[in-house]
């Protein structure tokens, strides 16, 4: 069955619309890939920064314990006692 002459322009326009949509989808995919890469890089940098801050805090805590071990022990005992009371309820 041969297509009507009236249907040909509609099919041509539809074909052009589909090609345009395919191009937009390809561009969208590129943009999403780029965004995913940016998020990955940012997350990696944030994880590194967090690790550095944790290491600095641990170092400061170690220095404090070495300088004044009795005070540190007293604080730890006090916190332990407080937590025991808190969790007992």
PDB file of N, CA and C in Angstrom:
ATOM      1  N   UNK A   1       0.839  -1.157   0.000  1.00  0.00           N
ATOM      2  CA  UNK A   1       0.000   0.000   0.000  1.00  0.00           C
ATOM      3  C   UNK A   1       0.895   1.233   0.000  1.00  0.00           C
ATOM      4  N   UNK A   2       0.783   2.074  -0.969  1.00  0.00           N
ATOM      5  CA  UNK A   2       1.603   3.266  -1.120  1.00  0.00           C
ATOM      6  C   UNK A   2       1.048   4.372  -0.229  1.00  0.00           C
ATOM      7  N   UNK A   3       1.940   5.154   0.407  1.00  0.00           N
ATOM      8  CA  UNK A   3       1.474   6.239   1.264  1.00  0.00           C
ATOM      9  C   UNK A   3       0.828   7.345   0.439  1.00  0.00           C
ATOM     10  N   UNK A   4      -0.136   7.987   1.033  1.00  0.00           N
ATOM     11  CA  UNK A   4      -0.793   9.118   0.380  1.00  0.00           C
ATOM     12  C   UNK A   4       0.167  10.290   0.303  1.00  0.00           C
ATOM     13  N   UNK A   5      -0.024  11.161  -0.672  1.00  0.00           N
ATOM     14  CA  UNK A   5       0.809  12.352  -0.779  1.00  0.00           C
ATOM     15  C   UNK A   5       0.623  13.265   0.421  1.00  0.00           C
ATOM     16  N   UNK A   6      -0.534  13.244   1.017  1.00  0.00           N
ATOM     17  CA  UNK A   6      -0.813  14.087   2.180  1.00  0.00           C
ATOM     18  C   UNK A   6      -0.050  13.608   3.414  1.00  0.00           C
ATOM     19  N   UNK A   7       0.249  12.317   3.499  1.00  0.00           N
ATOM     20  CA  UNK A   7       0.956  11.754   4.654  1.00  0.00           C
ATOM     21  C   UNK A   7       2.455  12.000   4.588  1.00  0.00           C
ATOM     22  N   UNK A   8       3.024  12.218   3.440  1.00  0.00           N
ATOM     23  CA  UNK A   8       4.474  12.366   3.279  1.00  0.00           C
ATOM     24  C   UNK A   8       5.048  13.552   4.065  1.00  0.00           C
ATOM     25  N   UNK A   9       4.453  14.761   4.006  1.00  0.00           N
ATOM     26  CA  UNK A   9       5.009  15.863   4.789  1.00  0.00           C
ATOM     27  C   UNK A   9       4.963  15.578   6.289  1.00  0.00           C
ATOM     28  N   UNK A  10       3.912  14.930   6.754  1.00  0.00           N
ATOM     29  CA  UNK A  10       3.807  14.604   8.172  1.00  0.00           C
ATOM     30  C   UNK A  10       4.898  13.631   8.595  1.00  0.00           C
ATOM     31  N   UNK A  11       5.165  12.650   7.758  1.00  0.00           N
ATOM     32  CA  UNK A  11       6.223  11.678   8.068  1.00  0.00           C
ATOM     33  C   UNK A  11       7.591  12.346   8.049  1.00  0.00           C
ATOM     34  N   UNK A  12       7.808  13.249   7.124  1.00  0.00           N
ATOM     35  CA  UNK A  12       9.088  13.960   7.034  1.00  0.00           C
ATOM     36  C   UNK A  12       9.282  14.840   8.281  1.00  0.00           C
ATOM     37  N   UNK A  13       8.225  15.555   8.661  1.00  0.00           N
ATOM     38  CA  UNK A  13       8.301  16.407   9.851  1.00  0.00           C
ATOM     39  C   UNK A  13       8.531  15.563  11.103  1.00  0.00           C
ATOM     40  N   UNK A  14       7.880  14.429  11.175  1.00  0.00           N
ATOM     41  CA  UNK A  14       8.056  13.536  12.315  1.00  0.00           C
ATOM     42  C   UNK A  14       9.485  13.018  12.370  1.00  0.00           C
ATOM     43  N   UNK A  15      10.031  12.665  11.229  1.00  0.00           N
ATOM     44  CA  UNK A  15      11.400  12.171  11.168  1.00  0.00           C
ATOM     45  C   UNK A  15      12.382  13.247  11.631  1.00  0.00           C
ATOM     46  N   UNK A  16      12.137  14.494  11.210  1.00  0.00           N
ATOM     47  CA  UNK A  16      13.003  15.589  11.645  1.00  0.00           C
ATOM     48  C   UNK A  16      12.881  15.818  13.140  1.00  0.00           C
ATOM     49  N   UNK A  17      11.682  15.725  13.672  1.00  0.00           N
ATOM     50  CA  UNK A  17      11.480  15.887  15.114  1.00  0.00           C
ATOM     51  C   UNK A  17      12.192  14.797  15.898  1.00  0.00           C
ATOM     52  N   UNK A  18      12.135  13.593  15.411  1.00  0.00           N
ATOM     53  CA  UNK A  18      12.812  12.474  16.089  1.00  0.00           C
ATOM     54  C   UNK A  18      14.322  12.681  16.065  1.00  0.00           C
ATOM     55  N   UNK A  19      14.863  13.135  14.948  1.00  0.00           N
ATOM     56  CA  UNK A  19      16.305  13.398  14.869  1.00  0.00           C
ATOM     57  C   UNK A  19      16.705  14.509  15.829  1.00  0.00           C
ATOM     58  N   UNK A  20      15.883  15.547  15.918  1.00  0.00           N
ATOM     59  CA  UNK A  20      16.169  16.650  16.833  1.00  0.00           C
ATOM     60  C   UNK A  20      16.128  16.174  18.282  1.00  0.00           C
ATOM     61  N   UNK A  21      15.152  15.361  18.608  1.00  0.00           N
ATOM     62  CA  UNK A  21      15.061  14.809  19.969  1.00  0.00           C
ATOM     63  C   UNK A  21      16.274  13.932  20.267  1.00  0.00           C
ATOM     64  N   UNK A  22      16.721  13.147  19.310  1.00  0.00           N
ATOM     65  CA  UNK A  22      17.890  12.290  19.500  1.00  0.00           C
ATOM     66  C   UNK A  22      19.134  13.139  19.769  1.00  0.00           C
ATOM     67  N   UNK A  23      19.273  14.267  19.063  1.00  0.00           N
ATOM     68  CA  UNK A  23      20.421  15.160  19.293  1.00  0.00           C
ATOM     69  C   UNK A  23      20.355  15.760  20.699  1.00  0.00           C
ATOM     70  N   UNK A  24      19.157  16.178  21.103  1.00  0.00           N
ATOM     71  CA  UNK A  24      18.999  16.733  22.449  1.00  0.00           C
ATOM     72  C   UNK A  24      19.326  15.687  23.513  1.00  0.00           C
ATOM     73  N   UNK A  25      18.906  14.476  23.302  1.00  0.00           N
ATOM     74  CA  UNK A  25      19.199  13.406  24.259  1.00  0.00           C
ATOM     75  C   UNK A  25      20.694  13.118  24.327  1.00  0.00           C
ATOM     76  N   UNK A  26      21.363  13.158  23.180  1.00  0.00           N
ATOM     77  CA  UNK A  26      22.814  12.940  23.165  1.00  0.00           C
ATOM     78  C   UNK A  26      23.518  14.054  23.930  1.00  0.00           C
ATOM     79  N   UNK A  27      23.076  15.298  23.729  1.00  0.00           N
ATOM     80  CA  UNK A  27      23.667  16.419  24.467  1.00  0.00           C
ATOM     81  C   UNK A  27      23.384  16.307  25.957  1.00  0.00           C
ATOM     82  N   UNK A  28      22.184  15.900  26.293  1.00  0.00           N
ATOM     83  CA  UNK A  28      21.827  15.718  27.697  1.00  0.00           C
ATOM     84  C   UNK A  28      22.692  14.641  28.339  1.00  0.00           C
ATOM     85  N   UNK A  29      22.930  13.573  27.615  1.00  0.00           N
ATOM     86  CA  UNK A  29      23.779  12.498  28.150  1.00  0.00           C
ATOM     87  C   UNK A  29      25.207  13.003  28.390  1.00  0.00           C
ATOM     88  N   UNK A  30      25.738  13.793  27.468  1.00  0.00           N
ATOM     89  CA  UNK A  30      27.080  14.363  27.655  1.00  0.00           C
ATOM     90  C   UNK A  30      27.101  15.260  28.892  1.00  0.00           C
ATOM     91  N   UNK A  31      26.062  16.086  29.039  1.00  0.00           N
ATOM     92  CA  UNK A  31      26.000  16.973  30.198  1.00  0.00           C
ATOM     93  C   UNK A  31      25.905  16.188  31.498  1.00  0.00           C
ATOM     94  N   UNK A  32      25.124  15.120  31.503  1.00  0.00           N
ATOM     95  CA  UNK A  32      25.002  14.288  32.705  1.00  0.00           C
ATOM     96  C   UNK A  32      26.314  13.585  33.038  1.00  0.00           C
ATOM     97  N   UNK A  33      27.025  13.115  32.017  1.00  0.00           N
ATOM     98  CA  UNK A  33      28.334  12.499  32.255  1.00  0.00           C
ATOM     99  C   UNK A  33      29.308  13.504  32.845  1.00  0.00           C
ATOM    100  N   UNK A  34      29.277  14.725  32.320  1.00  0.00           N
ATOM    101  CA  UNK A  34      30.141  15.781  32.834  1.00  0.00           C
ATOM    102  C   UNK A  34      29.790  16.120  34.278  1.00  0.00           C
ATOM    103  N   UNK A  35      28.505  16.214  34.556  1.00  0.00           N
ATOM    104  CA  UNK A  35      28.057  16.508  35.911  1.00  0.00           C
ATOM    105  C   UNK A  35      28.462  15.395  36.878  1.00  0.00           C
ATOM    106  N   UNK A  36      28.325  14.161  36.466  1.00  0.00           N
ATOM    107  CA  UNK A  36      28.714  13.028  37.318  1.00  0.00           C
ATOM    108  C   UNK A  36      30.212  13.076  37.628  1.00  0.00           C
ATOM    109  N   UNK A  37      31.002  13.424  36.620  1.00  0.00           N
ATOM    110  CA  UNK A  37      32.446  13.546  36.847  1.00  0.00           C
ATOM    111  C   UNK A  37      32.768  14.658  37.825  1.00  0.00           C
ATOM    112  N   UNK A  38      32.077  15.787  37.696  1.00  0.00           N
ATOM    113  CA  UNK A  38      32.292  16.905  38.613  1.00  0.00           C
ATOM    114  C   UNK A  38      31.920  16.531  40.037  1.00  0.00           C
ATOM    115  N   UNK A  39      30.798  15.844  40.185  1.00  0.00           N
ATOM    116  CA  UNK A  39      30.365  15.418  41.519  1.00  0.00           C
ATOM    117  C   UNK A  39      31.371  14.444  42.126  1.00  0.00           C
ATOM    118  N   UNK A  40      31.884  13.551  41.309  1.00  0.00           N
ATOM    119  CA  UNK A  40      32.869  12.586  41.801  1.00  0.00           C
ATOM    120  C   UNK A  40      34.142  13.291  42.266  1.00  0.00           C
ATOM    121  N   UNK A  41      34.602  14.258  41.475  1.00  0.00           N
ATOM    122  CA  UNK A  41      35.821  14.992  41.861  1.00  0.00           C
ATOM    123  C   UNK A  41      35.598  15.790  43.144  1.00  0.00           C
ATOM    124  N   UNK A  42      34.445  16.446  43.237  1.00  0.00           N
ATOM    125  CA  UNK A  42      34.139  17.239  44.428  1.00  0.00           C
ATOM    126  C   UNK A  42      34.037  16.340  45.658  1.00  0.00           C
ATOM    127  N   UNK A  43      33.375  15.205  45.517  1.00  0.00           N
ATOM    128  CA  UNK A  43      33.258  14.272  46.635  1.00  0.00           C
ATOM    129  C   UNK A  43      34.607  13.753  47.083  1.00  0.00           C
ATOM    130  N   UNK A  44      35.468  13.487  46.128  1.00  0.00           N
ATOM    131  CA  UNK A  44      36.808  12.993  46.454  1.00  0.00           C
ATOM    132  C   UNK A  44      37.602  14.046  47.223  1.00  0.00           C
ATOM    133  N   UNK A  45      37.507  15.297  46.762  1.00  0.00           N
ATOM    134  CA  UNK A  45      38.215  16.377  47.459  1.00  0.00           C
ATOM    135  C   UNK A  45      37.657  16.580  48.868  1.00  0.00           C
ATOM    136  N   UNK A  46      36.345  16.498  49.004  1.00  0.00           N
ATOM    137  CA  UNK A  46      35.740  16.663  50.323  1.00  0.00           C
ATOM    138  C   UNK A  46      36.155  15.534  51.258  1.00  0.00           C
ATOM    139  N   UNK A  47      36.230  14.323  50.748  1.00  0.00           N
ATOM    140  CA  UNK A  47      36.658  13.185  51.570  1.00  0.00           C
ATOM    141  C   UNK A  47      38.105  13.375  52.024  1.00  0.00           C
ATOM    142  N   UNK A  48      38.959  13.858  51.130  1.00  0.00           N
ATOM    143  CA  UNK A  48      40.357  14.122  51.493  1.00  0.00           C
ATOM    144  C   UNK A  48      40.435  15.199  52.565  1.00  0.00           C
ATOM    145  N   UNK A  49      39.650  16.269  52.410  1.00  0.00           N
ATOM    146  CA  UNK A  49      39.649  17.345  53.405  1.00  0.00           C
ATOM    147  C   UNK A  49      39.173  16.841  54.759  1.00  0.00           C
ATOM    148  N   UNK A  50      38.140  16.022  54.760  1.00  0.00           N
ATOM    149  CA  UNK A  50      37.625  15.465  56.001  1.00  0.00           C
ATOM    150  C   UNK A  50      38.661  14.573  56.676  1.00  0.00           C
ATOM    151  N   UNK A  51      39.365  13.783  55.880  1.00  0.00           N
ATOM    152  CA  UNK A  51      40.417  12.921  56.427  1.00  0.00           C
ATOM    153  C   UNK A  51      41.533  13.754  57.039  1.00  0.00           C
ATOM    154  N   UNK A  52      41.909  14.844  56.367  1.00  0.00           N
ATOM    155  CA  UNK A  52      42.949  15.728  56.899  1.00  0.00           C
ATOM    156  C   UNK A  52      42.509  16.350  58.224  1.00  0.00           C
ATOM    157  N   UNK A  53      41.265  16.803  58.295  1.00  0.00           N
ATOM    158  CA  UNK A  53      40.757  17.407  59.528  1.00  0.00           C
ATOM    159  C   UNK A  53      40.703  16.379  60.656  1.00  0.00           C
ATOM    160  N   UNK A  54      40.313  15.160  60.345  1.00  0.00           N
ATOM    161  CA  UNK A  54      40.271  14.107  61.365  1.00  0.00           C
ATOM    162  C   UNK A  54      41.674  13.802  61.873  1.00  0.00           C
ATOM    163  N   UNK A  55      42.643  13.766  60.969  1.00  0.00           N
ATOM    164  CA  UNK A  55      44.024  13.509  61.387  1.00  0.00           C
ATOM    165  C   UNK A  55      44.550  14.643  62.262  1.00  0.00           C
ATOM    166  N   UNK A  56      44.210  15.888  61.930  1.00  0.00           N
ATOM    167  CA  UNK A  56      44.637  17.029  62.748  1.00  0.00           C
ATOM    168  C   UNK A  56      44.001  16.969  64.135  1.00  0.00           C
ATOM    169  N   UNK A  57      42.720  16.629  64.197  1.00  0.00           N
ATOM    170  CA  UNK A  57      42.037  16.529  65.487  1.00  0.00           C
ATOM    171  C   UNK A  57      42.639  15.407  66.333  1.00  0.00           C
ATOM    172  N   UNK A  58      42.946  14.294  65.700  1.00  0.00           N
ATOM    173  CA  UNK A  58      43.563  13.179  66.422  1.00  0.00           C
ATOM    174  C   UNK A  58      44.938  13.571  66.948  1.00  0.00           C
ATOM    175  N   UNK A  59      45.698  14.277  66.130  1.00  0.00           N
ATOM    176  CA  UNK A  59      47.015  14.748  66.569  1.00  0.00           C
ATOM    177  C   UNK A  59      46.906  15.703  67.753  1.00  0.00           C
ATOM    178  N   UNK A  60      45.930  16.618  67.704  1.00  0.00           N
ATOM    179  CA  UNK A  60      45.728  17.558  68.808  1.00  0.00           C
ATOM    180  C   UNK A  60      45.323  16.818  70.073  1.00  0.00           C
ATOM    181  N   UNK A  61      44.477  15.811  69.934  1.00  0.00           N
ATOM    182  CA  UNK A  61      44.056  15.014  71.086  1.00  0.00           C
ATOM    183  C   UNK A  61      45.247  14.259  71.683  1.00  0.00           C
ATOM    184  N   UNK A  62      46.077  13.682  70.838  1.00  0.00           N
ATOM    185  CA  UNK A  62      47.263  12.968  71.331  1.00  0.00           C
ATOM    186  C   UNK A  62      48.199  13.917  72.064  1.00  0.00           C
ATOM    187  N   UNK A  63      48.380  15.122  71.540  1.00  0.00           N
ATOM    188  CA  UNK A  63      49.240  16.106  72.207  1.00  0.00           C
ATOM    189  C   UNK A  63      48.685  16.486  73.576  1.00  0.00           C
ATOM    190  N   UNK A  64      47.363  16.647  73.649  1.00  0.00           N
ATOM    191  CA  UNK A  64      46.741  17.007  74.918  1.00  0.00           C
ATOM    192  C   UNK A  64      46.901  15.889  75.943  1.00  0.00           C
ATOM    193  N   UNK A  65      46.734  14.655  75.507  1.00  0.00           N
ATOM    194  CA  UNK A  65      46.882  13.522  76.423  1.00  0.00           C
ATOM    195  C   UNK A  65      48.327  13.422  76.912  1.00  0.00           C
ATOM    196  N   UNK A  66      49.278  13.658  76.050  1.00  0.00           N
ATOM    197  CA  UNK A  66      50.693  13.580  76.461  1.00  0.00           C
ATOM    198  C   UNK A  66      51.070  14.709  77.416  1.00  0.00           C
ATOM    199  N   UNK A  67      50.509  15.906  77.199  1.00  0.00           N
ATOM    200  CA  UNK A  67      50.849  17.049  78.057  1.00  0.00           C
ATOM    201  C   UNK A  67      50.227  16.921  79.445  1.00  0.00           C
ATOM    202  N   UNK A  68      48.992  16.441  79.498  1.00  0.00           N
ATOM    203  CA  UNK A  68      48.289  16.405  80.775  1.00  0.00           C
ATOM    204  C   UNK A  68      47.440  15.135  80.876  1.00  0.00           C
ATOM    205  N   UNK A  69      48.092  14.000  81.135  1.00  0.00           N
ATOM    206  CA  UNK A  69      47.362  12.728  81.136  1.00  0.00           C
ATOM    207  C   UNK A  69      46.355  12.599  82.280  1.00  0.00           C
ATOM    208  N   UNK A  70      46.640  13.173  83.454  1.00  0.00           N
ATOM    209  CA  UNK A  70      45.715  13.029  84.583  1.00  0.00           C
ATOM    210  C   UNK A  70      44.405  13.787  84.331  1.00  0.00           C
ATOM    211  N   UNK A  71      44.505  14.968  83.775  1.00  0.00           N
ATOM    212  CA  UNK A  71      43.287  15.727  83.467  1.00  0.00           C
ATOM    213  C   UNK A  71      42.475  14.998  82.413  1.00  0.00           C
ATOM    214  N   UNK A  72      43.148  14.458  81.413  1.00  0.00           N
ATOM    215  CA  UNK A  72      42.466  13.722  80.358  1.00  0.00           C
ATOM    216  C   UNK A  72      41.764  12.498  80.936  1.00  0.00           C
ATOM    217  N   UNK A  73      42.423  11.802  81.836  1.00  0.00           N
ATOM    218  CA  UNK A  73      41.822  10.633  82.480  1.00  0.00           C
ATOM    219  C   UNK A  73      40.601  11.029  83.304  1.00  0.00           C
ATOM    220  N   UNK A  74      40.706  12.141  84.023  1.00  0.00           N
ATOM    221  CA  UNK A  74      39.581  12.603  84.835  1.00  0.00           C
ATOM    222  C   UNK A  74      38.389  12.974  83.936  1.00  0.00           C
ATOM    223  N   UNK A  75      38.650  13.622  82.839  1.00  0.00           N
ATOM    224  CA  UNK A  75      37.572  13.976  81.908  1.00  0.00           C
ATOM    225  C   UNK A  75      36.929  12.714  81.350  1.00  0.00           C
ATOM    226  N   UNK A  76      37.750  11.739  80.977  1.00  0.00           N
ATOM    227  CA  UNK A  76      37.221  10.493  80.424  1.00  0.00           C
ATOM    228  C   UNK A  76      36.366   9.761  81.451  1.00  0.00           C
ATOM    229  N   UNK A  77      36.808   9.721  82.691  1.00  0.00           N
ATOM    230  CA  UNK A  77      36.024   9.076  83.745  1.00  0.00           C
ATOM    231  C   UNK A  77      34.704   9.819  83.979  1.00  0.00           C
ATOM    232  N   UNK A  78      34.759  11.127  83.983  1.00  0.00           N
ATOM    233  CA  UNK A  78      33.546  11.924  84.172  1.00  0.00           C
ATOM    234  C   UNK A  78      32.545  11.703  83.041  1.00  0.00           C
ATOM    235  N   UNK A  79      33.030  11.683  81.808  1.00  0.00           N
ATOM    236  CA  UNK A  79      32.147  11.417  80.671  1.00  0.00           C
ATOM    237  C   UNK A  79      31.569  10.010  80.733  1.00  0.00           C
ATOM    238  N   UNK A  80      32.390   9.059  81.121  1.00  0.00           N
ATOM    239  CA  UNK A  80      31.908   7.689  81.255  1.00  0.00           C
ATOM    240  C   UNK A  80      30.819   7.573  82.309  1.00  0.00           C
ATOM    241  N   UNK A  81      31.028   8.248  83.441  1.00  0.00           N
ATOM    242  CA  UNK A  81      30.027   8.236  84.508  1.00  0.00           C
ATOM    243  C   UNK A  81      28.725   8.881  84.024  1.00  0.00           C
ATOM    244  N   UNK A  82      28.836  10.030  83.344  1.00  0.00           N
ATOM    245  CA  UNK A  82      27.669  10.732  82.816  1.00  0.00           C
ATOM    246  C   UNK A  82      26.902   9.867  81.816  1.00  0.00           C
ATOM    247  N   UNK A  83      27.630   9.208  80.901  1.00  0.00           N
ATOM    248  CA  UNK A  83      26.980   8.353  79.916  1.00  0.00           C
ATOM    249  C   UNK A  83      26.320   7.137  80.551  1.00  0.00           C
ATOM    250  N   UNK A  84      26.951   6.613  81.598  1.00  0.00           N
ATOM    251  CA  UNK A  84      26.362   5.474  82.306  1.00  0.00           C
ATOM    252  C   UNK A  84      25.035   5.865  82.931  1.00  0.00           C
ATOM    253  N   UNK A  85      24.979   7.035  83.541  1.00  0.00           N
ATOM    254  CA  UNK A  85      23.742   7.512  84.138  1.00  0.00           C
ATOM    255  C   UNK A  85      22.693   7.763  83.057  1.00  0.00           C
ATOM    256  N   UNK A  86      23.112   8.359  81.961  1.00  0.00           N
ATOM    257  CA  UNK A  86      22.203   8.700  80.877  1.00  0.00           C
ATOM    258  C   UNK A  86      21.581   7.453  80.251  1.00  0.00           C
ATOM    259  N   UNK A  87      22.413   6.433  80.002  1.00  0.00           N
ATOM    260  CA  UNK A  87      21.914   5.213  79.346  1.00  0.00           C
ATOM    261  C   UNK A  87      21.192   4.275  80.290  1.00  0.00           C
ATOM    262  N   UNK A  88      21.356   4.462  81.569  1.00  0.00           N
ATOM    263  CA  UNK A  88      20.695   3.609  82.547  1.00  0.00           C
ATOM    264  C   UNK A  88      19.190   3.866  82.567  1.00  0.00           C
ATOM    265  N   UNK A  89      18.808   5.087  82.213  1.00  0.00           N
ATOM    266  CA  UNK A  89      17.387   5.461  82.234  1.00  0.00           C
ATOM    267  C   UNK A  89      16.662   4.951  81.086  1.00  0.00           C
TER     268      UNK A  89
END
